């Protein structure tokens, strides 16, 4: 994001937007984090438990 594309966003706001985007990408990159995030928000999750992503040893 640059100042010319979004002139009404100050540098502090731009940093917040960047941090939010990084957090969203981090959550989406890990299936367990997606489940944990949704559970933390209080949203109903169906099925109620995340799929087992562990590989059999």
N, C-alpha and C. Protein backbone atom coordinates (compact mmCIF):
# COMPACT_ATOMS: atom_id res chain seq x y z
N UNK A 1 0.85 -1.16 0.00
CA UNK A 1 0.00 0.00 0.00
C UNK A 1 0.90 1.23 0.00
N UNK A 2 0.53 2.21 -0.80
CA UNK A 2 1.33 3.43 -0.81
C UNK A 2 0.45 4.65 -0.60
N UNK A 3 1.08 5.78 -0.29
CA UNK A 3 0.34 7.00 0.05
C UNK A 3 -0.44 7.54 -1.13
N UNK A 4 0.07 7.37 -2.33
CA UNK A 4 -0.66 7.88 -3.50
C UNK A 4 -1.93 7.09 -3.76
N UNK A 5 -1.90 5.79 -3.52
CA UNK A 5 -3.09 4.96 -3.76
C UNK A 5 -4.16 5.22 -2.71
N UNK A 6 -3.75 5.56 -1.49
CA UNK A 6 -4.68 5.78 -0.38
C UNK A 6 -4.27 7.04 0.38
N UNK A 7 -4.55 8.21 -0.17
CA UNK A 7 -4.06 9.44 0.46
C UNK A 7 -4.67 9.75 1.82
N UNK A 8 -5.83 9.16 2.13
CA UNK A 8 -6.48 9.46 3.40
C UNK A 8 -6.01 8.56 4.55
N UNK A 9 -5.10 7.64 4.29
CA UNK A 9 -4.58 6.75 5.32
C UNK A 9 -3.21 7.26 5.75
N UNK A 10 -3.07 7.56 7.05
CA UNK A 10 -1.77 8.02 7.55
C UNK A 10 -0.84 6.84 7.76
N UNK A 11 0.41 7.12 8.08
CA UNK A 11 1.39 6.03 8.22
C UNK A 11 1.03 5.07 9.34
N UNK A 12 0.42 5.57 10.42
CA UNK A 12 0.01 4.68 11.51
C UNK A 12 -1.12 3.77 11.05
N UNK A 13 -2.06 4.32 10.31
CA UNK A 13 -3.16 3.51 9.78
C UNK A 13 -2.66 2.49 8.78
N UNK A 14 -1.69 2.88 7.96
CA UNK A 14 -1.13 1.95 6.98
C UNK A 14 -0.42 0.80 7.67
N UNK A 15 0.30 1.09 8.76
CA UNK A 15 0.98 0.04 9.51
C UNK A 15 -0.03 -0.91 10.12
N UNK A 16 -1.14 -0.38 10.60
CA UNK A 16 -2.18 -1.23 11.19
C UNK A 16 -2.81 -2.13 10.13
N UNK A 17 -3.06 -1.57 8.95
CA UNK A 17 -3.62 -2.36 7.85
C UNK A 17 -2.65 -3.47 7.46
N UNK A 18 -1.37 -3.15 7.38
CA UNK A 18 -0.35 -4.14 7.02
C UNK A 18 -0.27 -5.25 8.07
N UNK A 19 -0.30 -4.87 9.34
CA UNK A 19 -0.24 -5.87 10.42
C UNK A 19 -1.47 -6.77 10.39
N UNK A 20 -2.63 -6.18 10.11
CA UNK A 20 -3.86 -6.97 10.03
C UNK A 20 -3.78 -7.96 8.88
N UNK A 21 -3.31 -7.51 7.73
CA UNK A 21 -3.19 -8.38 6.56
C UNK A 21 -2.21 -9.52 6.85
N UNK A 22 -1.10 -9.22 7.51
CA UNK A 22 -0.13 -10.26 7.85
C UNK A 22 -0.75 -11.29 8.79
N UNK A 23 -1.53 -10.82 9.76
CA UNK A 23 -2.20 -11.74 10.68
C UNK A 23 -3.20 -12.64 9.98
N UNK A 24 -3.94 -12.07 9.05
CA UNK A 24 -4.93 -12.86 8.29
C UNK A 24 -4.21 -13.92 7.46
N UNK A 25 -3.13 -13.55 6.80
CA UNK A 25 -2.37 -14.52 6.01
C UNK A 25 -1.80 -15.61 6.90
N UNK A 26 -1.33 -15.25 8.09
CA UNK A 26 -0.77 -16.23 9.02
C UNK A 26 -1.84 -17.23 9.47
N UNK A 27 -3.01 -16.72 9.78
CA UNK A 27 -4.12 -17.58 10.21
C UNK A 27 -4.54 -18.51 9.08
N UNK A 28 -4.64 -17.97 7.86
CA UNK A 28 -5.07 -18.78 6.73
C UNK A 28 -4.05 -19.83 6.31
N UNK A 29 -2.79 -19.62 6.67
CA UNK A 29 -1.74 -20.56 6.27
C UNK A 29 -1.73 -21.83 7.11
N UNK A 30 -2.41 -21.82 8.24
CA UNK A 30 -2.37 -22.96 9.15
C UNK A 30 -3.79 -23.37 9.52
N UNK A 31 -4.24 -24.57 9.12
CA UNK A 31 -5.61 -25.01 9.43
C UNK A 31 -5.94 -24.97 10.91
N UNK A 32 -4.99 -25.29 11.78
CA UNK A 32 -5.26 -25.27 13.22
C UNK A 32 -5.52 -23.84 13.69
N UNK A 33 -4.76 -22.88 13.15
CA UNK A 33 -4.98 -21.49 13.53
C UNK A 33 -6.35 -21.00 13.08
N UNK A 34 -6.80 -21.44 11.90
CA UNK A 34 -8.15 -21.05 11.44
C UNK A 34 -9.20 -21.50 12.44
N UNK A 35 -9.11 -22.75 12.87
CA UNK A 35 -10.08 -23.27 13.84
C UNK A 35 -9.99 -22.52 15.16
N UNK A 36 -8.78 -22.30 15.62
CA UNK A 36 -8.59 -21.60 16.89
C UNK A 36 -9.12 -20.18 16.83
N UNK A 37 -8.88 -19.50 15.71
CA UNK A 37 -9.36 -18.14 15.55
C UNK A 37 -10.89 -18.10 15.58
N UNK A 38 -11.52 -18.99 14.83
CA UNK A 38 -12.99 -19.01 14.81
C UNK A 38 -13.56 -19.36 16.17
N UNK A 39 -12.95 -20.31 16.86
CA UNK A 39 -13.42 -20.68 18.19
C UNK A 39 -13.27 -19.50 19.15
N UNK A 40 -12.19 -18.76 19.03
CA UNK A 40 -11.94 -17.60 19.90
C UNK A 40 -12.97 -16.49 19.67
N UNK A 41 -13.46 -16.36 18.45
CA UNK A 41 -14.45 -15.33 18.15
C UNK A 41 -15.83 -15.69 18.69
N UNK A 42 -16.02 -16.96 19.07
CA UNK A 42 -17.32 -17.39 19.58
C UNK A 42 -18.27 -17.87 18.49
N UNK A 43 -17.78 -17.95 17.26
CA UNK A 43 -18.62 -18.43 16.17
C UNK A 43 -18.80 -19.94 16.27
N UNK A 44 -19.95 -20.42 15.83
CA UNK A 44 -20.20 -21.86 15.82
C UNK A 44 -19.38 -22.48 14.71
N UNK A 45 -18.78 -23.62 15.01
CA UNK A 45 -17.95 -24.31 14.04
C UNK A 45 -18.56 -25.69 13.81
N UNK A 46 -18.76 -26.03 12.53
CA UNK A 46 -19.32 -27.34 12.19
C UNK A 46 -18.41 -28.00 11.18
N UNK A 47 -17.87 -29.15 11.43
CA UNK A 47 -17.96 -29.94 12.64
C UNK A 47 -17.24 -29.27 13.80
N UNK A 48 -17.58 -29.63 15.03
CA UNK A 48 -17.05 -28.91 16.19
C UNK A 48 -15.56 -29.07 16.45
N UNK A 49 -14.90 -30.04 15.82
CA UNK A 49 -13.47 -30.24 16.05
C UNK A 49 -12.74 -30.19 14.72
N UNK A 50 -11.53 -29.67 14.71
CA UNK A 50 -10.78 -29.61 13.46
C UNK A 50 -10.41 -30.99 12.97
N UNK A 51 -10.27 -31.13 11.66
CA UNK A 51 -9.84 -32.44 11.16
C UNK A 51 -8.43 -32.75 11.66
N UNK A 52 -8.15 -34.00 11.83
CA UNK A 52 -6.84 -34.41 12.32
C UNK A 52 -5.83 -34.24 11.19
N UNK A 53 -4.95 -33.26 11.36
CA UNK A 53 -3.95 -32.99 10.33
C UNK A 53 -2.64 -33.69 10.61
N UNK A 54 -2.58 -34.44 11.73
CA UNK A 54 -1.35 -35.16 12.05
C UNK A 54 -1.19 -36.35 11.14
N UNK A 55 0.03 -36.59 10.75
CA UNK A 55 0.31 -37.78 9.93
C UNK A 55 0.60 -38.94 10.86
N UNK A 56 0.12 -40.10 10.49
CA UNK A 56 0.39 -41.30 11.30
C UNK A 56 1.88 -41.56 11.29
N UNK A 57 2.39 -41.95 12.43
CA UNK A 57 3.83 -42.20 12.55
C UNK A 57 4.13 -43.66 12.42
